[in-house]
Amino acid sequence: MSTPDRGELPLPDYDQLPVGTLEHRIRSLGTEELNQLLHYEHTHADRAMVVQVLTSRKRQLEAGATPSGGDPNAFRPETAHQGHGGSRVSPATSPQPLSPPPHGTPDQPGKPKGNRP
């Protein structure tokens, strides 16, 4: 079996899918498509959790499970959210600075070391 190119895989952006998302997206794939993903995974990243998920689903299909309906290409892969950067806090909305309390608290004033009994 030749190693498929990334563009030939049954799931778009397969390399960027988190394992949890991959587990749900492969439910609509058949055995041949899972074999293709397994071969690609073994020859590239060989991530243990991904191989385990793919192998487990393949065993389910071999035991009589049927692929679920739906199009695995219909969803965009999850990616980490990139913030806009910076803080929305302005001088008008920031709190007043707090200065640290002096030694001790109002209930227990501090004593200089030289005055200890």
N, C-alpha and C. Protein backbone atom coordinates (compact mmCIF):
# COMPACT_ATOMS: atom_id res chain seq x y z
N MET A 1 0.84 -1.17 0.00
CA MET A 1 0.00 0.00 0.00
C MET A 1 0.89 1.23 0.00
N SER A 2 0.67 2.13 -0.92
CA SER A 2 1.46 3.35 -0.96
C SER A 2 0.92 4.36 0.05
N THR A 3 1.79 5.21 0.53
CA THR A 3 1.39 6.20 1.52
C THR A 3 0.58 7.29 0.83
N PRO A 4 -0.65 7.54 1.30
CA PRO A 4 -1.46 8.58 0.68
C PRO A 4 -0.93 9.97 1.03
N ASP A 5 -1.15 10.89 0.11
CA ASP A 5 -0.81 12.29 0.39
C ASP A 5 -1.87 12.86 1.32
N ARG A 6 -1.53 13.93 1.98
CA ARG A 6 -2.46 14.57 2.91
C ARG A 6 -3.77 14.93 2.22
N GLY A 7 -3.72 15.38 0.98
CA GLY A 7 -4.92 15.77 0.25
C GLY A 7 -5.79 14.60 -0.17
N GLU A 8 -5.25 13.38 -0.15
CA GLU A 8 -6.00 12.20 -0.53
C GLU A 8 -6.69 11.51 0.64
N LEU A 9 -6.51 12.03 1.83
CA LEU A 9 -7.10 11.41 3.02
C LEU A 9 -8.61 11.66 3.07
N PRO A 10 -9.35 10.73 3.67
CA PRO A 10 -10.81 10.87 3.72
C PRO A 10 -11.30 11.99 4.66
N LEU A 11 -10.43 12.55 5.48
CA LEU A 11 -10.80 13.66 6.35
C LEU A 11 -9.93 14.87 6.03
N PRO A 12 -10.54 16.02 5.76
CA PRO A 12 -9.73 17.21 5.49
C PRO A 12 -9.03 17.66 6.77
N ASP A 13 -7.84 18.17 6.64
CA ASP A 13 -7.05 18.67 7.77
C ASP A 13 -6.91 17.61 8.87
N TYR A 14 -6.74 16.38 8.47
CA TYR A 14 -6.62 15.25 9.40
C TYR A 14 -5.53 15.50 10.44
N ASP A 15 -4.39 16.04 10.01
CA ASP A 15 -3.25 16.23 10.92
C ASP A 15 -3.54 17.21 12.06
N GLN A 16 -4.50 18.11 11.87
CA GLN A 16 -4.79 19.12 12.88
C GLN A 16 -5.96 18.75 13.78
N LEU A 17 -6.60 17.60 13.55
CA LEU A 17 -7.76 17.23 14.36
C LEU A 17 -7.34 16.74 15.74
N PRO A 18 -7.96 17.29 16.80
CA PRO A 18 -7.71 16.73 18.13
C PRO A 18 -8.29 15.32 18.21
N VAL A 19 -7.76 14.51 19.09
CA VAL A 19 -8.17 13.11 19.19
C VAL A 19 -9.68 13.01 19.48
N GLY A 20 -10.21 13.85 20.34
CA GLY A 20 -11.64 13.81 20.66
C GLY A 20 -12.51 14.08 19.45
N THR A 21 -12.11 15.02 18.62
CA THR A 21 -12.86 15.33 17.40
C THR A 21 -12.69 14.20 16.40
N LEU A 22 -11.49 13.68 16.29
CA LEU A 22 -11.22 12.59 15.35
C LEU A 22 -12.10 11.38 15.67
N GLU A 23 -12.26 11.10 16.95
CA GLU A 23 -13.06 9.95 17.38
C GLU A 23 -14.49 10.05 16.85
N HIS A 24 -15.04 11.23 16.79
CA HIS A 24 -16.40 11.41 16.28
C HIS A 24 -16.44 11.48 14.75
N ARG A 25 -15.42 12.07 14.17
CA ARG A 25 -15.42 12.25 12.72
C ARG A 25 -15.22 10.94 11.96
N ILE A 26 -14.56 9.95 12.56
CA ILE A 26 -14.31 8.69 11.85
C ILE A 26 -15.51 7.75 11.90
N ARG A 27 -16.56 8.10 12.63
CA ARG A 27 -17.72 7.23 12.75
C ARG A 27 -18.41 6.98 11.42
N SER A 28 -18.26 7.88 10.47
CA SER A 28 -18.92 7.70 9.17
C SER A 28 -18.02 7.03 8.14
N LEU A 29 -16.80 6.68 8.53
CA LEU A 29 -15.85 6.07 7.59
C LEU A 29 -15.98 4.56 7.60
N GLY A 30 -15.64 3.96 6.46
CA GLY A 30 -15.63 2.51 6.34
C GLY A 30 -14.25 1.95 6.65
N THR A 31 -14.14 0.64 6.59
CA THR A 31 -12.89 -0.05 6.92
C THR A 31 -11.74 0.39 6.02
N GLU A 32 -11.98 0.49 4.72
CA GLU A 32 -10.91 0.88 3.80
C GLU A 32 -10.38 2.28 4.10
N GLU A 33 -11.28 3.20 4.43
CA GLU A 33 -10.85 4.56 4.76
C GLU A 33 -10.08 4.58 6.08
N LEU A 34 -10.50 3.76 7.04
CA LEU A 34 -9.75 3.67 8.30
C LEU A 34 -8.36 3.08 8.06
N ASN A 35 -8.28 2.07 7.19
CA ASN A 35 -6.97 1.50 6.84
C ASN A 35 -6.07 2.57 6.23
N GLN A 36 -6.63 3.41 5.40
CA GLN A 36 -5.86 4.50 4.77
C GLN A 36 -5.34 5.47 5.84
N LEU A 37 -6.20 5.83 6.79
CA LEU A 37 -5.76 6.73 7.86
C LEU A 37 -4.72 6.07 8.76
N LEU A 38 -4.92 4.80 9.07
CA LEU A 38 -3.94 4.08 9.89
C LEU A 38 -2.57 4.03 9.21
N HIS A 39 -2.56 3.72 7.94
CA HIS A 39 -1.30 3.66 7.20
C HIS A 39 -0.62 5.03 7.19
N TYR A 40 -1.40 6.07 6.94
CA TYR A 40 -0.86 7.44 6.94
C TYR A 40 -0.30 7.78 8.33
N GLU A 41 -1.05 7.44 9.37
CA GLU A 41 -0.62 7.76 10.74
C GLU A 41 0.68 7.03 11.09
N HIS A 42 0.77 5.75 10.73
CA HIS A 42 1.99 4.98 11.04
C HIS A 42 3.21 5.54 10.30
N THR A 43 3.04 6.06 9.11
CA THR A 43 4.18 6.56 8.34
C THR A 43 4.49 8.03 8.62
N HIS A 44 3.66 8.69 9.40
CA HIS A 44 3.91 10.11 9.69
C HIS A 44 4.11 10.31 11.19
N ALA A 45 3.12 10.77 11.90
CA ALA A 45 3.29 11.11 13.32
C ALA A 45 3.29 9.89 14.23
N ASP A 46 2.55 8.85 13.88
CA ASP A 46 2.45 7.62 14.67
C ASP A 46 2.08 7.92 16.12
N ARG A 47 1.02 8.74 16.29
CA ARG A 47 0.54 9.12 17.62
C ARG A 47 -0.23 7.94 18.22
N ALA A 48 0.19 7.51 19.39
CA ALA A 48 -0.38 6.32 20.02
C ALA A 48 -1.88 6.44 20.24
N MET A 49 -2.36 7.58 20.74
CA MET A 49 -3.79 7.76 21.00
C MET A 49 -4.59 7.71 19.70
N VAL A 50 -4.07 8.30 18.64
CA VAL A 50 -4.77 8.30 17.35
C VAL A 50 -4.84 6.88 16.79
N VAL A 51 -3.73 6.16 16.86
CA VAL A 51 -3.71 4.78 16.37
C VAL A 51 -4.70 3.95 17.17
N GLN A 52 -4.78 4.16 18.47
CA GLN A 52 -5.72 3.42 19.32
C GLN A 52 -7.16 3.71 18.92
N VAL A 53 -7.50 4.97 18.67
CA VAL A 53 -8.87 5.34 18.28
C VAL A 53 -9.22 4.73 16.94
N LEU A 54 -8.31 4.82 15.97
CA LEU A 54 -8.57 4.27 14.64
C LEU A 54 -8.70 2.75 14.68
N THR A 55 -7.83 2.09 15.43
CA THR A 55 -7.87 0.63 15.55
C THR A 55 -9.15 0.17 16.24
N SER A 56 -9.55 0.88 17.27
CA SER A 56 -10.77 0.53 18.00
C SER A 56 -11.99 0.63 17.09
N ARG A 57 -12.06 1.71 16.31
CA ARG A 57 -13.20 1.86 15.40
C ARG A 57 -13.18 0.78 14.31
N LYS A 58 -12.01 0.43 13.84
CA LYS A 58 -11.89 -0.62 12.83
C LYS A 58 -12.41 -1.94 13.39
N ARG A 59 -12.07 -2.26 14.64
CA ARG A 59 -12.55 -3.49 15.28
C ARG A 59 -14.08 -3.47 15.42
N GLN A 60 -14.63 -2.30 15.74
CA GLN A 60 -16.08 -2.18 15.85
C GLN A 60 -16.75 -2.50 14.52
N LEU A 61 -16.18 -1.98 13.43
CA LEU A 61 -16.75 -2.25 12.10
C LEU A 61 -16.63 -3.73 11.75
N GLU A 62 -15.50 -4.34 12.08
CA GLU A 62 -15.30 -5.76 11.80
C GLU A 62 -16.23 -6.64 12.63
N ALA A 63 -16.68 -6.12 13.77
CA ALA A 63 -17.59 -6.86 14.64
C ALA A 63 -19.06 -6.66 14.24
N GLY A 64 -19.29 -5.88 13.20
CA GLY A 64 -20.66 -5.72 12.72
C GLY A 64 -21.24 -4.32 12.82
N ALA A 65 -20.52 -3.38 13.39
CA ALA A 65 -21.02 -2.00 13.44
C ALA A 65 -21.09 -1.45 12.02
N THR A 66 -21.97 -0.50 11.82
CA THR A 66 -22.07 0.13 10.50
C THR A 66 -21.66 1.58 10.61
N PRO A 67 -21.07 2.12 9.56
CA PRO A 67 -20.72 3.54 9.59
C PRO A 67 -21.97 4.40 9.79
N SER A 68 -21.84 5.43 10.56
CA SER A 68 -22.97 6.32 10.80
C SER A 68 -23.17 7.21 9.58
N GLY A 69 -24.33 7.78 9.49
CA GLY A 69 -24.60 8.71 8.39
C GLY A 69 -23.86 10.01 8.62
N GLY A 70 -23.92 10.85 7.65
CA GLY A 70 -23.28 12.16 7.77
C GLY A 70 -22.03 12.24 6.93
N ASP A 71 -21.61 13.44 6.72
CA ASP A 71 -20.44 13.73 5.89
C ASP A 71 -19.31 14.19 6.79
N PRO A 72 -18.21 13.42 6.89
CA PRO A 72 -17.12 13.85 7.77
C PRO A 72 -16.43 15.11 7.27
N ASN A 73 -16.68 15.49 6.03
CA ASN A 73 -16.06 16.70 5.48
C ASN A 73 -16.91 17.94 5.71
N ALA A 74 -18.09 17.77 6.30
CA ALA A 74 -19.00 18.90 6.46
C ALA A 74 -18.59 19.83 7.58
N PHE A 75 -17.73 19.38 8.46
CA PHE A 75 -17.35 20.19 9.61
C PHE A 75 -15.93 20.68 9.46
N ARG A 76 -15.73 21.89 9.94
CA ARG A 76 -14.37 22.42 9.98
C ARG A 76 -13.68 21.86 11.21
N PRO A 77 -12.40 21.56 11.11
CA PRO A 77 -11.71 21.01 12.29
C PRO A 77 -11.59 22.06 13.39
N GLU A 78 -11.59 21.55 14.61
CA GLU A 78 -11.39 22.44 15.75
C GLU A 78 -9.95 22.89 15.78
N THR A 79 -9.75 24.15 16.06
CA THR A 79 -8.40 24.67 16.22
C THR A 79 -8.39 25.54 17.46
N ALA A 80 -7.23 25.77 17.98
CA ALA A 80 -7.10 26.62 19.15
C ALA A 80 -7.50 28.04 18.78
N HIS A 81 -8.26 28.69 19.66
CA HIS A 81 -8.71 30.05 19.41
C HIS A 81 -7.55 31.02 19.60
N GLN A 82 -7.37 31.85 18.63
CA GLN A 82 -6.33 32.87 18.71
C GLN A 82 -6.98 34.18 19.15
N GLY A 83 -6.57 34.71 20.27
CA GLY A 83 -7.12 35.96 20.78
C GLY A 83 -6.69 37.14 19.93
N HIS A 84 -7.34 38.25 20.16
CA HIS A 84 -7.01 39.46 19.41
C HIS A 84 -5.77 40.13 19.96
N GLY A 85 -5.31 39.70 21.09
CA GLY A 85 -4.10 40.26 21.68
C GLY A 85 -4.41 41.52 22.47
N GLY A 86 -3.64 41.71 23.48
CA GLY A 86 -3.83 42.91 24.28
C GLY A 86 -5.02 42.79 25.21
N SER A 87 -5.13 43.74 26.08
CA SER A 87 -6.20 43.77 27.06
C SER A 87 -7.17 44.88 26.75
N ARG A 88 -8.43 44.67 27.06
CA ARG A 88 -9.43 45.71 26.83
C ARG A 88 -9.51 46.67 28.01
N VAL A 89 -8.65 46.51 28.98
CA VAL A 89 -8.66 47.39 30.14
C VAL A 89 -8.05 48.72 29.74
N SER A 90 -8.71 49.77 30.14
CA SER A 90 -8.19 51.12 29.89
C SER A 90 -8.04 51.81 31.24
N PRO A 91 -7.37 52.94 31.29
CA PRO A 91 -7.25 53.64 32.56
C PRO A 91 -8.61 53.97 33.18
N ALA A 92 -9.61 54.20 32.33
CA ALA A 92 -10.93 54.53 32.86
C ALA A 92 -11.61 53.33 33.51
N THR A 93 -11.28 52.12 33.06
CA THR A 93 -11.95 50.93 33.60
C THR A 93 -11.08 50.13 34.56
N SER A 94 -9.84 50.51 34.76
CA SER A 94 -8.96 49.75 35.65
C SER A 94 -9.22 50.15 37.10
N PRO A 95 -9.01 49.22 38.04
CA PRO A 95 -9.24 49.54 39.45
C PRO A 95 -8.13 50.44 39.98
N GLN A 96 -8.42 51.06 41.12
CA GLN A 96 -7.41 51.89 41.77
C GLN A 96 -6.31 50.99 42.30
N PRO A 97 -5.05 51.39 42.20
CA PRO A 97 -3.97 50.55 42.70
C PRO A 97 -4.07 50.42 44.22
N LEU A 98 -3.76 49.24 44.71
CA LEU A 98 -3.75 48.99 46.15
C LEU A 98 -2.32 48.95 46.63
N SER A 99 -2.07 49.63 47.72
CA SER A 99 -0.73 49.54 48.29
C SER A 99 -0.74 48.44 49.34
N PRO A 100 0.35 47.71 49.47
CA PRO A 100 0.37 46.62 50.43
C PRO A 100 0.24 47.17 51.85
N PRO A 101 -0.35 46.40 52.74
CA PRO A 101 -0.51 46.89 54.12
C PRO A 101 0.85 46.99 54.80
N PRO A 102 0.95 47.87 55.81
CA PRO A 102 2.22 47.93 56.56
C PRO A 102 2.39 46.63 57.34
N HIS A 103 3.50 46.50 58.01
CA HIS A 103 3.75 45.27 58.79
C HIS A 103 2.58 45.02 59.71
N GLY A 104 2.07 43.81 59.67
CA GLY A 104 0.95 43.45 60.52
C GLY A 104 -0.37 43.85 59.87
N THR A 105 -1.42 43.66 60.61
CA THR A 105 -2.75 44.05 60.16
C THR A 105 -3.31 45.02 61.18
N PRO A 106 -4.40 45.70 60.87
CA PRO A 106 -4.95 46.63 61.86
C PRO A 106 -5.29 45.94 63.18
N ASP A 107 -5.66 44.66 63.13
CA ASP A 107 -5.97 43.95 64.37
C ASP A 107 -4.73 43.49 65.11
N GLN A 108 -3.64 43.28 64.38
CA GLN A 108 -2.40 42.80 64.99
C GLN A 108 -1.24 43.65 64.49
N PRO A 109 -1.01 44.78 65.10
CA PRO A 109 0.08 45.62 64.61
C PRO A 109 1.43 44.93 64.79
N GLY A 110 2.32 45.19 63.87
CA GLY A 110 3.65 44.60 63.94
C GLY A 110 4.51 45.26 65.00
N LYS A 111 5.48 44.52 65.48
CA LYS A 111 6.40 45.04 66.48
C LYS A 111 7.80 44.97 65.91
N PRO A 112 8.62 45.96 66.17
CA PRO A 112 10.02 45.88 65.74
C PRO A 112 10.71 44.71 66.44
N LYS A 113 11.69 44.13 65.80
CA LYS A 113 12.38 42.95 66.34
C LYS A 113 13.09 43.27 67.66
N GLY A 114 13.55 44.45 67.79
CA GLY A 114 14.30 44.79 69.00
C GLY A 114 13.42 44.86 70.24
N ASN A 115 12.13 45.00 70.09
CA ASN A 115 11.24 45.12 71.23
C ASN A 115 10.60 43.79 71.64
N ARG A 116 11.03 42.70 71.10
CA ARG A 116 10.43 41.40 71.44
C ARG A 116 10.90 40.95 72.81
N PRO A 117 10.01 40.32 73.57
CA PRO A 117 10.43 39.86 74.91
C PRO A 117 11.30 38.64 74.88
